[in-house]
Amino acid sequence: MSNYEIYIAIAVMSVVNYFTRFFPFLFFRKNDLPPYILFIEKYFPSVIMTILIVYTLKDVDFVLFPYGLKELGGIIFTAALHLTLKNYLISIFAGTIFYMVLVQYL
């Protein structure tokens, strides 16, 4: 790539980045949010946690050793963390990290 093409690419990326930052303020000028945004805000974290559980258990063979103990340990840890802290973000990230540690080191 020539320097000219690099400068054009940087300019295009800058405009796109600026638009994505400006987009919510352009369409949600009022103080009240649309009902579909409130729906997403209310139910999206639960949906993400459900998807993570399904993804974790999809290829587990509960007949062979270690009988899915790593996966169940990760799910129990995440559930316990969420019930104590009641914070979806911490539960998702810490539970995922805990599961990855179990998978890599046990």
N, C-alpha and C. Protein backbone atom coordinates (compact mmCIF):
# COMPACT_ATOMS: atom_id res chain seq x y z
N MET A 1 0.83 -1.19 0.00
CA MET A 1 0.00 0.00 0.00
C MET A 1 0.87 1.25 0.00
N SER A 2 0.42 2.19 -0.73
CA SER A 2 1.15 3.46 -0.74
C SER A 2 0.71 4.31 0.46
N ASN A 3 1.46 5.37 0.70
CA ASN A 3 1.11 6.27 1.81
C ASN A 3 -0.26 6.90 1.59
N TYR A 4 -0.58 7.22 0.36
CA TYR A 4 -1.87 7.82 0.04
C TYR A 4 -3.02 6.88 0.44
N GLU A 5 -2.90 5.61 0.11
CA GLU A 5 -3.93 4.63 0.47
C GLU A 5 -4.04 4.46 1.98
N ILE A 6 -2.91 4.50 2.67
CA ILE A 6 -2.93 4.39 4.13
C ILE A 6 -3.66 5.58 4.74
N TYR A 7 -3.40 6.79 4.24
CA TYR A 7 -4.07 7.98 4.75
C TYR A 7 -5.58 7.92 4.50
N ILE A 8 -5.97 7.43 3.33
CA ILE A 8 -7.40 7.28 3.03
C ILE A 8 -8.03 6.27 3.97
N ALA A 9 -7.36 5.16 4.20
CA ALA A 9 -7.89 4.14 5.11
C ALA A 9 -8.05 4.70 6.52
N ILE A 10 -7.09 5.45 7.00
CA ILE A 10 -7.17 6.06 8.33
C ILE A 10 -8.32 7.05 8.39
N ALA A 11 -8.50 7.84 7.34
CA ALA A 11 -9.60 8.81 7.31
C ALA A 11 -10.95 8.11 7.33
N VAL A 12 -11.10 7.06 6.54
CA VAL A 12 -12.36 6.32 6.51
C VAL A 12 -12.64 5.69 7.87
N MET A 13 -11.63 5.08 8.49
CA MET A 13 -11.82 4.48 9.80
C MET A 13 -12.17 5.52 10.85
N SER A 14 -11.60 6.70 10.75
CA SER A 14 -11.91 7.78 11.69
C SER A 14 -13.36 8.22 11.56
N VAL A 15 -13.83 8.38 10.33
CA VAL A 15 -15.21 8.79 10.10
C VAL A 15 -16.17 7.73 10.62
N VAL A 16 -15.90 6.47 10.33
CA VAL A 16 -16.77 5.39 10.79
C VAL A 16 -16.77 5.33 12.31
N ASN A 17 -15.62 5.46 12.93
CA ASN A 17 -15.53 5.45 14.39
C ASN A 17 -16.32 6.60 14.99
N TYR A 18 -16.19 7.79 14.42
CA TYR A 18 -16.92 8.96 14.90
C TYR A 18 -18.43 8.73 14.75
N PHE A 19 -18.86 8.16 13.63
CA PHE A 19 -20.28 7.92 13.40
C PHE A 19 -20.84 6.93 14.42
N THR A 20 -20.10 5.88 14.72
CA THR A 20 -20.59 4.91 15.70
C THR A 20 -20.69 5.51 17.10
N ARG A 21 -19.86 6.46 17.42
CA ARG A 21 -19.93 7.15 18.72
C ARG A 21 -21.09 8.14 18.74
N PHE A 22 -21.36 8.78 17.61
CA PHE A 22 -22.37 9.82 17.51
C PHE A 22 -23.77 9.25 17.28
N PHE A 23 -23.87 8.06 16.73
CA PHE A 23 -25.13 7.42 16.33
C PHE A 23 -26.16 7.37 17.46
N PRO A 24 -25.84 6.88 18.67
CA PRO A 24 -26.88 6.81 19.72
C PRO A 24 -27.43 8.19 20.09
N PHE A 25 -26.60 9.21 20.12
CA PHE A 25 -27.07 10.54 20.48
C PHE A 25 -27.97 11.14 19.39
N LEU A 26 -27.74 10.74 18.17
CA LEU A 26 -28.54 11.24 17.06
C LEU A 26 -29.96 10.68 17.10
N PHE A 27 -30.10 9.38 17.41
CA PHE A 27 -31.40 8.74 17.35
C PHE A 27 -32.13 8.69 18.69
N PHE A 28 -31.44 8.87 19.78
CA PHE A 28 -32.08 8.82 21.09
C PHE A 28 -31.93 10.16 21.80
N ARG A 29 -32.43 11.21 21.20
CA ARG A 29 -32.30 12.55 21.77
C ARG A 29 -33.18 12.75 22.98
N LYS A 30 -34.31 12.07 23.03
CA LYS A 30 -35.22 12.21 24.16
C LYS A 30 -34.63 11.51 25.38
N ASN A 31 -35.14 11.86 26.55
CA ASN A 31 -34.65 11.22 27.77
C ASN A 31 -35.18 9.80 27.94
N ASP A 32 -36.37 9.54 27.41
CA ASP A 32 -36.92 8.19 27.53
C ASP A 32 -36.50 7.34 26.34
N LEU A 33 -36.14 6.10 26.64
CA LEU A 33 -35.68 5.18 25.59
C LEU A 33 -36.86 4.45 24.98
N PRO A 34 -36.72 4.01 23.73
CA PRO A 34 -37.79 3.23 23.10
C PRO A 34 -37.99 1.90 23.83
N PRO A 35 -39.19 1.34 23.73
CA PRO A 35 -39.48 0.09 24.45
C PRO A 35 -38.56 -1.07 24.06
N TYR A 36 -38.16 -1.15 22.80
CA TYR A 36 -37.30 -2.26 22.40
C TYR A 36 -35.90 -2.16 23.02
N ILE A 37 -35.42 -0.96 23.25
CA ILE A 37 -34.13 -0.80 23.92
C ILE A 37 -34.25 -1.20 25.39
N LEU A 38 -35.36 -0.84 26.03
CA LEU A 38 -35.59 -1.25 27.42
C LEU A 38 -35.71 -2.76 27.53
N PHE A 39 -36.35 -3.39 26.52
CA PHE A 39 -36.46 -4.85 26.50
C PHE A 39 -35.08 -5.49 26.41
N ILE A 40 -34.25 -4.98 25.50
CA ILE A 40 -32.90 -5.50 25.34
C ILE A 40 -32.09 -5.31 26.61
N GLU A 41 -32.21 -4.14 27.21
CA GLU A 41 -31.48 -3.85 28.45
C GLU A 41 -31.89 -4.79 29.57
N LYS A 42 -33.17 -5.16 29.61
CA LYS A 42 -33.67 -6.00 30.70
C LYS A 42 -33.30 -7.47 30.51
N TYR A 43 -33.40 -7.99 29.28
CA TYR A 43 -33.27 -9.43 29.06
C TYR A 43 -31.98 -9.89 28.41
N PHE A 44 -31.20 -9.00 27.84
CA PHE A 44 -30.00 -9.41 27.11
C PHE A 44 -28.95 -10.10 27.99
N PRO A 45 -28.66 -9.62 29.19
CA PRO A 45 -27.67 -10.34 30.01
C PRO A 45 -28.07 -11.78 30.32
N SER A 46 -29.35 -12.02 30.58
CA SER A 46 -29.81 -13.39 30.84
C SER A 46 -29.67 -14.26 29.60
N VAL A 47 -29.94 -13.69 28.44
CA VAL A 47 -29.80 -14.43 27.19
C VAL A 47 -28.34 -14.80 26.95
N ILE A 48 -27.42 -13.87 27.21
CA ILE A 48 -26.00 -14.14 27.03
C ILE A 48 -25.55 -15.27 27.96
N MET A 49 -25.99 -15.24 29.21
CA MET A 49 -25.60 -16.29 30.14
C MET A 49 -26.17 -17.65 29.70
N THR A 50 -27.40 -17.66 29.19
CA THR A 50 -27.99 -18.90 28.69
C THR A 50 -27.21 -19.43 27.49
N ILE A 51 -26.83 -18.56 26.59
CA ILE A 51 -26.03 -18.98 25.43
C ILE A 51 -24.70 -19.56 25.88
N LEU A 52 -24.06 -18.93 26.86
CA LEU A 52 -22.79 -19.46 27.37
C LEU A 52 -22.95 -20.83 27.99
N ILE A 53 -24.05 -21.06 28.70
CA ILE A 53 -24.29 -22.37 29.31
C ILE A 53 -24.51 -23.42 28.23
N VAL A 54 -25.34 -23.10 27.24
CA VAL A 54 -25.59 -24.05 26.15
C VAL A 54 -24.29 -24.35 25.39
N TYR A 55 -23.50 -23.32 25.11
CA TYR A 55 -22.23 -23.52 24.41
C TYR A 55 -21.28 -24.38 25.23
N THR A 56 -21.29 -24.18 26.54
CA THR A 56 -20.41 -24.95 27.41
C THR A 56 -20.80 -26.42 27.42
N LEU A 57 -22.08 -26.71 27.41
CA LEU A 57 -22.55 -28.10 27.56
C LEU A 57 -22.79 -28.83 26.24
N LYS A 58 -22.65 -28.16 25.11
CA LYS A 58 -23.03 -28.78 23.83
C LYS A 58 -22.20 -30.01 23.45
N ASP A 59 -20.93 -30.04 23.76
CA ASP A 59 -20.08 -31.16 23.36
C ASP A 59 -19.62 -32.02 24.54
N VAL A 60 -20.26 -31.88 25.69
CA VAL A 60 -19.84 -32.61 26.87
C VAL A 60 -20.40 -34.03 26.81
N ASP A 61 -19.53 -34.99 27.04
CA ASP A 61 -19.95 -36.39 27.13
C ASP A 61 -19.96 -36.75 28.61
N PHE A 62 -21.15 -36.86 29.17
CA PHE A 62 -21.27 -37.11 30.61
C PHE A 62 -21.00 -38.57 30.98
N VAL A 63 -20.73 -39.42 29.99
CA VAL A 63 -20.46 -40.82 30.24
C VAL A 63 -18.97 -41.06 30.46
N LEU A 64 -18.13 -40.28 29.80
CA LEU A 64 -16.68 -40.45 29.88
C LEU A 64 -16.06 -39.52 30.92
N PHE A 65 -14.92 -39.96 31.48
CA PHE A 65 -14.19 -39.15 32.44
C PHE A 65 -13.76 -37.85 31.78
N PRO A 66 -13.85 -36.72 32.37
CA PRO A 66 -14.20 -36.35 33.75
C PRO A 66 -15.68 -36.06 33.95
N TYR A 67 -16.56 -36.61 33.14
CA TYR A 67 -18.01 -36.59 33.34
C TYR A 67 -18.61 -35.19 33.34
N GLY A 68 -17.96 -34.25 32.72
CA GLY A 68 -18.49 -32.88 32.65
C GLY A 68 -18.30 -32.09 33.93
N LEU A 69 -17.39 -32.53 34.79
CA LEU A 69 -17.20 -31.85 36.07
C LEU A 69 -16.64 -30.45 35.90
N LYS A 70 -15.77 -30.25 34.92
CA LYS A 70 -15.23 -28.91 34.68
C LYS A 70 -16.33 -27.94 34.27
N GLU A 71 -17.18 -28.39 33.37
CA GLU A 71 -18.26 -27.55 32.88
C GLU A 71 -19.26 -27.26 33.99
N LEU A 72 -19.64 -28.29 34.73
CA LEU A 72 -20.57 -28.07 35.84
C LEU A 72 -19.96 -27.19 36.92
N GLY A 73 -18.65 -27.34 37.15
CA GLY A 73 -17.97 -26.47 38.11
C GLY A 73 -18.01 -25.02 37.68
N GLY A 74 -17.79 -24.77 36.39
CA GLY A 74 -17.86 -23.41 35.86
C GLY A 74 -19.26 -22.82 35.98
N ILE A 75 -20.27 -23.64 35.69
CA ILE A 75 -21.66 -23.17 35.78
C ILE A 75 -22.03 -22.87 37.24
N ILE A 76 -21.66 -23.77 38.14
CA ILE A 76 -21.97 -23.56 39.56
C ILE A 76 -21.25 -22.32 40.09
N PHE A 77 -19.97 -22.16 39.71
CA PHE A 77 -19.21 -20.98 40.14
C PHE A 77 -19.87 -19.71 39.63
N THR A 78 -20.25 -19.70 38.37
CA THR A 78 -20.88 -18.52 37.79
C THR A 78 -22.22 -18.22 38.46
N ALA A 79 -23.01 -19.26 38.69
CA ALA A 79 -24.31 -19.05 39.34
C ALA A 79 -24.13 -18.53 40.77
N ALA A 80 -23.20 -19.11 41.51
CA ALA A 80 -22.95 -18.65 42.88
C ALA A 80 -22.45 -17.21 42.88
N LEU A 81 -21.58 -16.89 41.95
CA LEU A 81 -21.07 -15.53 41.85
C LEU A 81 -22.18 -14.55 41.54
N HIS A 82 -23.06 -14.94 40.62
CA HIS A 82 -24.15 -14.04 40.27
C HIS A 82 -25.16 -13.88 41.41
N LEU A 83 -25.44 -14.96 42.12
CA LEU A 83 -26.39 -14.87 43.23
C LEU A 83 -25.85 -14.02 44.38
N THR A 84 -24.54 -14.01 44.55
CA THR A 84 -23.97 -13.20 45.63
C THR A 84 -23.76 -11.75 45.22
N LEU A 85 -23.24 -11.52 44.01
CA LEU A 85 -22.92 -10.15 43.58
C LEU A 85 -24.04 -9.47 42.81
N LYS A 86 -24.91 -10.25 42.16
CA LYS A 86 -26.00 -9.74 41.33
C LYS A 86 -25.51 -8.76 40.26
N ASN A 87 -24.39 -9.12 39.64
CA ASN A 87 -23.82 -8.29 38.59
C ASN A 87 -23.52 -9.20 37.40
N TYR A 88 -24.28 -9.02 36.31
CA TYR A 88 -24.12 -9.88 35.15
C TYR A 88 -22.72 -9.82 34.55
N LEU A 89 -22.18 -8.63 34.46
CA LEU A 89 -20.89 -8.46 33.81
C LEU A 89 -19.79 -9.21 34.56
N ILE A 90 -19.74 -9.05 35.85
CA ILE A 90 -18.72 -9.75 36.64
C ILE A 90 -18.96 -11.25 36.57
N SER A 91 -20.22 -11.67 36.65
CA SER A 91 -20.53 -13.10 36.61
C SER A 91 -20.09 -13.72 35.29
N ILE A 92 -20.38 -13.05 34.18
CA ILE A 92 -20.03 -13.61 32.87
C ILE A 92 -18.52 -13.69 32.71
N PHE A 93 -17.81 -12.60 32.99
CA PHE A 93 -16.36 -12.60 32.79
C PHE A 93 -15.64 -13.51 33.78
N ALA A 94 -15.97 -13.43 35.05
CA ALA A 94 -15.29 -14.26 36.04
C ALA A 94 -15.62 -15.73 35.84
N GLY A 95 -16.86 -16.03 35.51
CA GLY A 95 -17.24 -17.42 35.25
C GLY A 95 -16.54 -18.00 34.03
N THR A 96 -16.43 -17.19 32.99
CA THR A 96 -15.72 -17.64 31.79
C THR A 96 -14.24 -17.86 32.08
N ILE A 97 -13.63 -16.95 32.82
CA ILE A 97 -12.21 -17.10 33.18
C ILE A 97 -12.02 -18.34 34.04
N PHE A 98 -12.89 -18.55 35.02
CA PHE A 98 -12.80 -19.72 35.88
C PHE A 98 -12.91 -21.01 35.07
N TYR A 99 -13.86 -21.05 34.13
CA TYR A 99 -14.03 -22.23 33.27
C TYR A 99 -12.79 -22.46 32.41
N MET A 100 -12.24 -21.40 31.84
CA MET A 100 -11.03 -21.55 31.01
C MET A 100 -9.85 -22.06 31.83
N VAL A 101 -9.73 -21.60 33.07
CA VAL A 101 -8.67 -22.10 33.94
C VAL A 101 -8.88 -23.58 34.21
N LEU A 102 -10.10 -23.99 34.49
CA LEU A 102 -10.38 -25.41 34.72
C LEU A 102 -10.04 -26.25 33.49
N VAL A 103 -10.42 -25.77 32.33
CA VAL A 103 -10.17 -26.52 31.09
C VAL A 103 -8.67 -26.63 30.81
N GLN A 104 -7.93 -25.56 31.04
CA GLN A 104 -6.51 -25.56 30.70
C GLN A 104 -5.65 -26.30 31.70
N TYR A 105 -5.99 -26.24 32.99
CA TYR A 105 -5.07 -26.75 34.00
C TYR A 105 -5.55 -28.00 34.73
N LEU A 106 -6.75 -28.47 34.47
CA LEU A 106 -7.20 -29.71 35.12
C LEU A 106 -7.41 -30.81 34.11
